[in-house]
Structure formats: structure tokens, C-alpha cells
Amino acid sequence: MFAVIKIAGQQFKVQPGQSLYVPHLTGKSGDKVEFSDILLHDSEGKISVGKDAKVTVKAEIVNDLIKGEKVIAFKMKRRKGFRKKHGHRTQYTQIKVTDIA
């Protein structure tokens, strides 16, 4: 049994008991979250797609804030003295899928 869900514009293939990192969600460790934007659902070989997939994915927040790798955006124009350095670390939330119902 698996489902393809949409979280913050990204698609994730999830199964019960799976742990994954998703874009930052509001909530604290131990909170329960539900995802109802299901794109595809497979239950014992029976596939439902789009609006036919009327299930919800229930998950629990394991870690509420995890920072990703540092990404540096550096711009420079030669012989002009122009240099711009900008960096960021993307924030993620670790969730564990408990049930697909």
C-alpha cells in the first residue's frame, strides 16, 4: 500500500511506517498532521488516481526543525568590482507516516 501526496508543491511517495523530510510545517514534535491532497493511491493492486483517491495520510512530526545544507549564491562581474554573496539553509520537518486511510 502506498500513496503519492502533494506537500508544499512537491510530490512524495509514502508508505505506512516511512520517515521522510518535507518542507517546513508548523507544529511541534509529537503533533499529528493529516494530508488530504492525494494524487495517487494503491491498495493491493487497486489504483485510484486524482479525485477518485479519497483517502487521507496521517503522520506524526518527529523533528520540527531541521536545517539543510548551506547553499551559497555568489555573483560577480569581472573588472567592475561588483561582488554579491548570498546564502541560505532550507528548513525541513521530519515526519513519520502512521496510516493511510
Foldseek 3Di string as FASTA:
>chain_A
DWFWAADPNDIDIDDAFDKDKDAADDDAAFDKDKGQRTAWDADPNDIDGDPRQGKIWMKGWHHRWDWADKDWDWDDDPPPPDIDIDIDTGIITMIHTHDID
